[in-house]
Amino acid sequence: MKLLQPLNLFAVCFTVSFSLGMSAQAETTVKVFILAGQSNMEGKATNTLLDHQATDPKTAELFAHLRKDDQWIVRDDVWIKFLNRHGGLTIGYGSPGRTGVELEFGNAMGNHFDEPVVLIKPAWGGHSLVKLFRSPSAGLPSDEALNAELEQAVKRVTANNEKNKKTDPLPTMEDIKNPYGSSYRNMMKEVQDTFDNYETMFPALKGKKLEVAGFVWFQGWNDMYGGAEKEYASNMKHFINDVRKDLKVPNMPFVIGVMGQNGSKPAGGAMLEVQQAQLAMEEVPEFKGNVKAVRTDELADKEAERLIDGWQKHFEEWKKVGSDRPYHYLGSAIWFNRIGKAMGEAMLELLKGQK
């Protein structure tokens, strides 16, 4: 399988189709799931928090299925590639020293399938759907919007040059256009790289055939700004269609982790608009039965929510339940694991519906 060079800003296509459907001999095939998005897909629960809660009598039972002989299990039937890291699935495949939804999701897939499973996780913090993850069929923004963006960029560089006595070149329209869709293209490169090199990354899979089985999307925060929330539904629809087209997997099961950093509190404003746009994907006629949105706010870790207020004053208590800020689901290992499990259940439901 070889990725063609883009013919234009957004062109992405594969010369050889990914494998589709079920193989007659499960032992020769590998199920591939792509987990894409921004920082929360990266994973923000610290491993030290997981270590604590896995041995704390109050929470140990929640993690028992992920451990054996007082150690974290490293699966020999589920592998993961997260950018420059790869190996058997265990904790630590999130941001450095952290874990995300891949842990429970991957375990759900590994427990379900007789075939081996590979997770490919292209995720970068702070990337929006309106710009960096913008997919080919969404096209570029209007000329008016691009010209306004260029004008602002020129003003910034000019002011910086004058202030610091520099001579940096002024941005061009090409500079403005190039970032659009860059993360989408990099995501496809990550998939391509895995398909090209999986036998080296995962020697146990040598001679087996990879087939894309599903896609999970966990993103939204950076589309709450500058009016991006208004076009989130349109961009999401384009994204789903384009991913399926470029991976050559029509009706590929697609799970959306609905942005839910509001937790137990009702969402409002732009956050609510993004949530509604994500939930609405289930009702798009061509997506019915093959796209499922998972509410993440309903899975909130109530104890972490309780202790986040004034956490500095009771830090010793706080660090036993959380490890980050509200926009990262409080860095709650319990919350991230619940989300991963729910995503896994949703994926299996969609796959069952396909059969």
Protein backbone atom coordinates (compact mmCIF):
# COMPACT_ATOMS: atom_id res chain seq x y z
CA MET A 1 0.00 0.00 0.00
CA LYS A 2 1.56 3.29 -1.07
CA LEU A 3 0.38 6.82 -0.39
CA LEU A 4 0.35 9.06 -3.44
CA GLN A 5 1.78 12.56 -3.29
CA PRO A 6 -1.00 15.15 -2.89
CA LEU A 7 -2.14 16.63 -6.18
CA ASN A 8 -3.37 19.71 -4.36
CA LEU A 9 -3.70 21.06 -0.84
CA PHE A 10 -6.09 18.34 0.30
CA ALA A 11 -5.66 15.41 -2.06
CA VAL A 12 -5.09 12.16 -0.16
CA CYS A 13 -5.54 8.75 -1.76
CA PHE A 14 -4.17 5.23 -1.59
CA THR A 15 -3.02 3.19 -4.54
CA VAL A 16 -3.85 -0.08 -2.84
CA SER A 17 -7.07 -0.56 -0.94
CA PHE A 18 -7.04 -1.45 2.73
CA SER A 19 -8.41 -4.92 3.43
CA LEU A 20 -12.16 -5.04 3.93
CA GLY A 21 -14.46 -7.45 5.65
CA MET A 22 -13.79 -10.62 7.59
CA SER A 23 -11.03 -13.03 6.63
CA ALA A 24 -11.79 -16.72 6.36
CA GLN A 25 -8.79 -17.39 8.55
CA ALA A 26 -8.75 -15.07 11.54
CA GLU A 27 -5.23 -16.09 12.48
CA THR A 28 -3.86 -14.38 9.34
CA THR A 29 -5.58 -11.01 9.81
CA VAL A 30 -5.17 -8.07 12.18
CA LYS A 31 -7.93 -5.66 13.17
CA VAL A 32 -6.80 -2.03 12.96
CA PHE A 33 -8.51 0.80 14.83
CA ILE A 34 -7.54 4.44 14.34
CA LEU A 35 -7.88 6.73 17.37
CA ALA A 36 -7.52 10.37 16.34
CA GLY A 37 -8.02 13.79 17.88
CA GLN A 38 -6.35 16.35 20.08
CA SER A 39 -4.95 16.42 23.63
CA ASN A 40 -7.63 14.31 25.26
CA MET A 41 -7.05 11.60 22.67
CA GLU A 42 -3.36 11.89 23.51
CA GLY A 43 -4.32 10.97 27.09
CA LYS A 44 -3.80 13.05 30.22
CA ALA A 45 -4.14 10.75 33.26
CA THR A 46 -0.72 10.43 34.91
CA ASN A 47 0.72 6.96 35.35
CA THR A 48 1.49 7.79 38.98
CA LEU A 49 -2.22 8.34 39.55
CA LEU A 50 -3.03 5.01 37.91
CA ASP A 51 -0.39 3.31 40.07
CA HIS A 52 -1.92 4.80 43.20
CA GLN A 53 -5.54 4.05 42.40
CA ALA A 54 -4.71 0.53 41.25
CA THR A 55 -3.35 -0.25 44.72
CA ASP A 56 -5.70 1.88 46.82
CA PRO A 57 -8.34 -0.43 48.38
CA LYS A 58 -11.02 2.19 47.59
CA THR A 59 -10.40 2.04 43.83
CA ALA A 60 -8.28 -1.07 43.14
CA GLU A 61 -11.21 -3.09 41.82
CA LEU A 62 -11.67 -0.62 38.94
CA PHE A 63 -8.20 -1.47 37.65
CA ALA A 64 -7.90 -5.14 38.61
CA HIS A 65 -8.63 -6.45 35.11
CA LEU A 66 -5.67 -4.43 33.80
CA ARG A 67 -3.15 -5.93 36.21
CA LYS A 68 -1.58 -9.27 37.09
CA ASP A 69 0.81 -10.11 39.91
CA ASP A 70 0.72 -6.48 41.05
CA GLN A 71 1.96 -5.28 37.65
CA TRP A 72 0.26 -3.66 34.68
CA ILE A 73 -0.48 -6.19 31.96
CA VAL A 74 1.33 -5.68 28.65
CA ARG A 75 -0.92 -7.33 26.09
CA ASP A 76 0.59 -9.68 23.55
CA ASP A 77 -2.46 -9.55 21.28
CA VAL A 78 -3.05 -5.78 21.17
CA TRP A 79 -0.38 -3.43 19.86
CA ILE A 80 -0.32 0.33 19.63
CA LYS A 81 1.53 2.96 17.62
CA PHE A 82 1.35 6.46 19.07
CA LEU A 83 3.53 8.71 16.91
CA ASN A 84 7.14 7.70 17.69
CA ARG A 85 6.20 5.03 20.27
CA HIS A 86 4.95 1.53 19.68
CA GLY A 87 4.60 -1.76 21.53
CA GLY A 88 2.20 -4.02 23.38
CA LEU A 89 -0.75 -2.18 24.90
CA THR A 90 -0.30 -1.13 28.53
CA ILE A 91 -0.30 2.14 30.48
CA GLY A 92 1.87 5.02 29.29
CA TYR A 93 0.73 5.43 25.69
CA GLY A 94 -0.63 8.91 26.33
CA SER A 95 1.24 12.18 26.69
CA PRO A 96 4.66 11.56 28.32
CA GLY A 97 4.11 9.70 31.59
CA ARG A 98 0.36 9.56 30.99
CA THR A 99 -2.42 7.29 29.76
CA GLY A 100 -5.63 7.84 27.82
CA VAL A 101 -8.72 6.15 26.43
CA GLU A 102 -6.64 3.69 24.38
CA LEU A 103 -6.09 1.51 27.45
CA GLU A 104 -9.69 0.43 28.04
CA PHE A 105 -10.66 0.70 24.36
CA GLY A 106 -7.80 -1.55 23.31
CA ASN A 107 -8.57 -4.07 26.02
CA ALA A 108 -12.19 -4.20 24.90
CA MET A 109 -11.11 -4.89 21.32
CA GLY A 110 -8.51 -7.44 22.37
CA ASN A 111 -11.00 -9.30 24.56
CA HIS A 112 -13.55 -9.41 21.76
CA PHE A 113 -11.55 -10.43 18.71
CA ASP A 114 -9.78 -13.71 18.05
CA GLU A 115 -7.57 -11.75 15.65
CA PRO A 116 -4.74 -9.56 16.93
CA VAL A 117 -5.52 -5.85 17.22
CA VAL A 118 -3.44 -2.79 16.32
CA LEU A 119 -4.30 0.72 17.50
CA ILE A 120 -2.94 3.68 15.53
CA LYS A 121 -3.19 6.92 17.48
CA PRO A 122 -2.55 10.13 15.53
CA ALA A 123 -3.31 12.83 18.12
CA TRP A 124 -1.92 16.29 18.68
CA GLY A 125 -2.95 18.74 21.38
CA GLY A 126 -4.67 21.97 20.37
CA HIS A 127 -5.59 20.97 16.82
CA SER A 128 -8.95 22.09 15.47
CA LEU A 129 -11.33 20.52 12.98
CA VAL A 130 -11.95 23.89 11.38
CA LYS A 131 -8.30 24.24 10.36
CA LEU A 132 -5.60 21.65 11.01
CA PHE A 133 -7.84 18.55 10.85
CA ARG A 134 -9.94 20.09 8.07
CA SER A 135 -10.59 17.33 5.55
CA PRO A 136 -10.39 17.51 1.75
CA SER A 137 -14.05 17.87 0.83
CA ALA A 138 -14.53 20.74 3.29
CA GLY A 139 -12.30 22.82 1.07
CA LEU A 140 -10.65 26.04 2.15
CA PRO A 141 -12.47 28.90 3.87
CA SER A 142 -13.83 31.70 1.68
CA ASP A 143 -11.46 34.11 -0.04
CA GLU A 144 -12.80 36.81 2.25
CA ALA A 145 -11.89 34.81 5.36
CA LEU A 146 -8.46 33.91 4.02
CA ASN A 147 -7.72 37.51 3.08
CA ALA A 148 -8.74 38.64 6.56
CA GLU A 149 -6.46 36.00 8.09
CA LEU A 150 -3.59 37.14 5.89
CA GLU A 151 -4.15 40.77 6.80
CA GLN A 152 -3.99 39.97 10.51
CA ALA A 153 -0.88 37.85 10.06
CA VAL A 154 0.87 40.63 8.15
CA LYS A 155 -0.01 43.12 10.87
CA ARG A 156 1.43 40.82 13.57
CA VAL A 157 4.72 40.28 11.76
CA THR A 158 5.03 43.97 10.85
CA ALA A 159 4.45 45.03 14.45
CA ASN A 160 6.93 42.45 15.71
CA ASN A 161 9.55 43.58 13.19
CA GLU A 162 9.14 47.21 14.22
CA LYS A 163 9.20 46.44 17.94
CA ASN A 164 12.23 44.15 17.84
CA LYS A 165 14.04 45.76 14.88
CA LYS A 166 13.74 42.57 12.84
CA THR A 167 13.24 41.92 9.13
CA ASP A 168 11.20 38.73 9.14
CA PRO A 169 9.47 38.17 5.77
CA LEU A 170 5.78 39.01 5.64
CA PRO A 171 3.35 36.07 5.34
CA THR A 172 1.97 35.17 1.94
CA MET A 173 -1.38 33.68 1.00
CA GLU A 174 0.37 30.34 0.55
CA ASP A 175 1.56 30.56 4.17
CA ILE A 176 -2.05 31.05 5.24
CA LYS A 177 -3.43 28.18 3.18
CA ASN A 178 -0.78 25.52 3.92
CA PRO A 179 -1.77 24.73 7.54
CA TYR A 180 -5.34 23.88 6.55
CA GLY A 181 -5.71 20.11 6.55
CA SER A 182 -2.11 19.51 7.69
CA SER A 183 -3.12 17.31 10.64
CA TYR A 184 -5.52 15.37 8.43
CA ARG A 185 -2.66 14.65 6.05
CA ASN A 186 -0.32 13.76 8.92
CA MET A 187 -2.97 11.42 10.32
CA MET A 188 -3.05 9.58 7.00
CA LYS A 189 0.74 9.45 6.99
CA GLU A 190 0.65 7.80 10.43
CA VAL A 191 -1.72 5.14 9.09
CA GLN A 192 0.46 4.69 6.00
CA ASP A 193 3.61 4.38 8.10
CA THR A 194 2.04 1.67 10.25
CA PHE A 195 0.86 -0.33 7.24
CA ASP A 196 4.29 -0.02 5.66
CA ASN A 197 6.31 -0.95 8.75
CA TYR A 198 4.10 -2.99 11.07
CA GLU A 199 6.15 -6.17 10.69
CA THR A 200 9.17 -4.30 12.01
CA MET A 201 7.25 -2.48 14.75
CA PHE A 202 5.40 -5.61 15.82
CA PRO A 203 7.43 -8.71 14.83
CA ALA A 204 4.72 -11.05 16.09
CA LEU A 205 2.50 -9.82 13.23
CA LYS A 206 4.90 -10.76 10.47
CA GLY A 207 3.06 -12.38 7.58
CA LYS A 208 -0.36 -11.24 8.76
CA LYS A 209 -2.67 -8.90 6.88
CA LEU A 210 -3.90 -5.61 8.36
CA GLU A 211 -7.49 -4.51 7.85
CA VAL A 212 -9.01 -1.23 9.03
CA ALA A 213 -11.96 -2.08 11.26
CA GLY A 214 -13.01 1.21 12.85
CA PHE A 215 -12.26 4.83 13.73
CA VAL A 216 -12.58 6.78 17.00
CA TRP A 217 -12.62 10.60 17.14
CA PHE A 218 -12.03 12.51 20.40
CA GLN A 219 -11.71 16.25 19.81
CA GLY A 220 -13.60 19.52 20.04
CA TRP A 221 -12.07 22.00 22.47
CA ASN A 222 -10.26 24.13 19.89
CA ASP A 223 -13.40 24.48 17.80
CA MET A 224 -15.14 26.48 20.52
CA TYR A 225 -13.42 29.68 19.43
CA GLY A 226 -13.71 32.24 16.64
CA GLY A 227 -17.04 30.94 15.44
CA ALA A 228 -15.65 27.49 14.52
CA GLU A 229 -18.46 25.89 16.51
CA LYS A 230 -20.94 27.18 13.91
CA GLU A 231 -19.47 24.98 11.20
CA TYR A 232 -18.47 22.00 13.34
CA ALA A 233 -21.35 19.84 12.12
CA SER A 234 -20.49 20.50 8.48
CA ASN A 235 -16.78 19.88 9.05
CA MET A 236 -17.48 16.70 11.01
CA LYS A 237 -19.66 15.31 8.25
CA HIS A 238 -16.97 16.05 5.67
CA PHE A 239 -14.35 14.48 7.93
CA ILE A 240 -16.23 11.20 8.35
CA ASN A 241 -16.91 10.91 4.63
CA ASP A 242 -13.33 11.75 3.70
CA VAL A 243 -11.76 9.35 6.20
CA ARG A 244 -13.88 6.53 4.83
CA LYS A 245 -13.05 7.47 1.26
CA ASP A 246 -9.31 7.84 1.79
CA LEU A 247 -9.04 4.63 3.81
CA LYS A 248 -11.26 2.91 1.25
CA VAL A 249 -13.60 1.53 3.92
CA PRO A 250 -17.20 2.53 3.07
CA ASN A 251 -19.47 2.75 6.10
CA MET A 252 -16.50 2.16 8.42
CA PRO A 253 -17.75 2.14 12.04
CA PHE A 254 -17.05 5.60 13.44
CA VAL A 255 -17.26 6.47 17.15
CA ILE A 256 -17.26 10.09 18.35
CA GLY A 257 -16.31 10.94 21.91
CA VAL A 258 -18.62 13.88 22.57
CA MET A 259 -16.79 16.74 24.23
CA GLY A 260 -17.79 16.66 27.90
CA GLN A 261 -15.43 18.73 30.01
CA ASN A 262 -18.52 20.30 31.56
CA GLY A 263 -18.86 17.05 33.52
CA SER A 264 -21.78 17.08 35.93
CA LYS A 265 -22.65 20.69 35.08
CA PRO A 266 -24.83 21.53 32.07
CA ALA A 267 -22.88 22.71 29.04
CA GLY A 268 -23.59 26.06 27.47
CA GLY A 269 -22.45 28.39 24.73
CA ALA A 270 -19.93 27.11 22.20
CA MET A 271 -19.33 23.89 24.14
CA LEU A 272 -23.00 23.01 23.88
CA GLU A 273 -22.98 23.79 20.16
CA VAL A 274 -20.04 21.46 19.56
CA GLN A 275 -21.70 18.74 21.63
CA GLN A 276 -24.93 19.07 19.68
CA ALA A 277 -23.03 18.96 16.38
CA GLN A 278 -21.25 15.77 17.43
CA LEU A 279 -24.45 14.11 18.64
CA ALA A 280 -26.22 15.12 15.42
CA MET A 281 -23.91 12.90 13.37
CA GLU A 282 -25.93 9.87 14.44
CA GLU A 283 -28.96 11.36 12.69
CA VAL A 284 -27.32 12.07 9.33
CA PRO A 285 -29.18 9.65 7.02
CA GLU A 286 -26.06 8.01 5.57
CA PHE A 287 -24.51 7.72 9.05
CA LYS A 288 -27.39 5.92 10.75
CA GLY A 289 -26.19 2.60 12.10
CA ASN A 290 -22.53 3.25 11.36
CA VAL A 291 -21.74 6.33 13.49
CA LYS A 292 -22.20 6.48 17.24
CA ALA A 293 -21.63 9.41 19.60
CA VAL A 294 -20.59 8.67 23.19
CA ARG A 295 -21.42 11.24 25.86
CA THR A 296 -18.34 11.73 28.03
CA ASP A 297 -19.83 14.23 30.50
CA GLU A 298 -22.16 11.56 31.86
CA LEU A 299 -19.11 9.46 32.81
CA ALA A 300 -17.65 12.12 35.11
CA ASP A 301 -15.47 11.18 38.07
CA LYS A 302 -17.50 12.80 40.85
CA GLU A 303 -14.72 12.62 43.43
CA ALA A 304 -12.28 14.43 41.15
CA GLU A 305 -14.96 17.04 40.43
CA ARG A 306 -15.49 17.52 44.15
CA LEU A 307 -11.82 18.12 44.86
CA ILE A 308 -10.84 20.30 41.90
CA ASP A 309 -12.09 23.48 43.59
CA GLY A 310 -9.27 24.85 45.70
CA TRP A 311 -7.07 21.87 44.86
CA GLN A 312 -3.94 23.73 45.92
CA LYS A 313 -5.22 23.85 49.49
CA HIS A 314 -5.72 20.10 49.69
CA PHE A 315 -3.13 18.94 47.17
CA GLU A 316 -2.30 15.66 48.92
CA GLU A 317 -5.95 14.64 48.70
CA TRP A 318 -6.37 15.98 45.16
CA LYS A 319 -3.40 14.12 43.65
CA LYS A 320 -5.02 10.82 44.63
CA VAL A 321 -7.95 11.45 42.26
CA GLY A 322 -6.84 13.94 39.59
CA SER A 323 -3.75 15.05 37.72
CA ASP A 324 -4.74 17.84 35.32
CA ARG A 325 -7.21 20.65 34.61
CA PRO A 326 -10.89 20.58 33.65
CA TYR A 327 -10.18 20.80 29.91
CA HIS A 328 -8.32 17.49 30.27
CA TYR A 329 -11.07 15.75 32.22
CA LEU A 330 -9.22 16.64 35.41
CA GLY A 331 -6.54 14.13 34.45
CA SER A 332 -8.79 11.54 36.10
CA ALA A 333 -7.70 7.98 35.38
CA ILE A 334 -11.17 6.76 36.27
CA TRP A 335 -12.83 9.21 33.88
CA PHE A 336 -10.47 8.42 30.99
CA ASN A 337 -10.93 4.69 31.55
CA ARG A 338 -14.71 5.04 31.61
CA ILE A 339 -14.58 6.94 28.33
CA GLY A 340 -12.33 4.34 26.71
CA LYS A 341 -14.62 1.54 27.84
CA ALA A 342 -17.71 3.34 26.55
CA MET A 343 -15.99 3.96 23.21
CA GLY A 344 -15.16 0.26 23.02
CA GLU A 345 -18.75 -0.75 23.74
CA ALA A 346 -19.99 1.67 21.09
CA MET A 347 -17.53 0.30 18.53
CA LEU A 348 -18.53 -3.29 19.20
CA GLU A 349 -22.20 -2.33 18.88
CA LEU A 350 -21.54 -0.81 15.46
CA LEU A 351 -19.51 -3.81 14.35
CA LYS A 352 -22.27 -6.15 15.46
CA GLY A 353 -24.75 -4.10 13.45
CA GLN A 354 -22.59 -4.51 10.36
CA LYS A 355 -22.79 -8.28 10.57
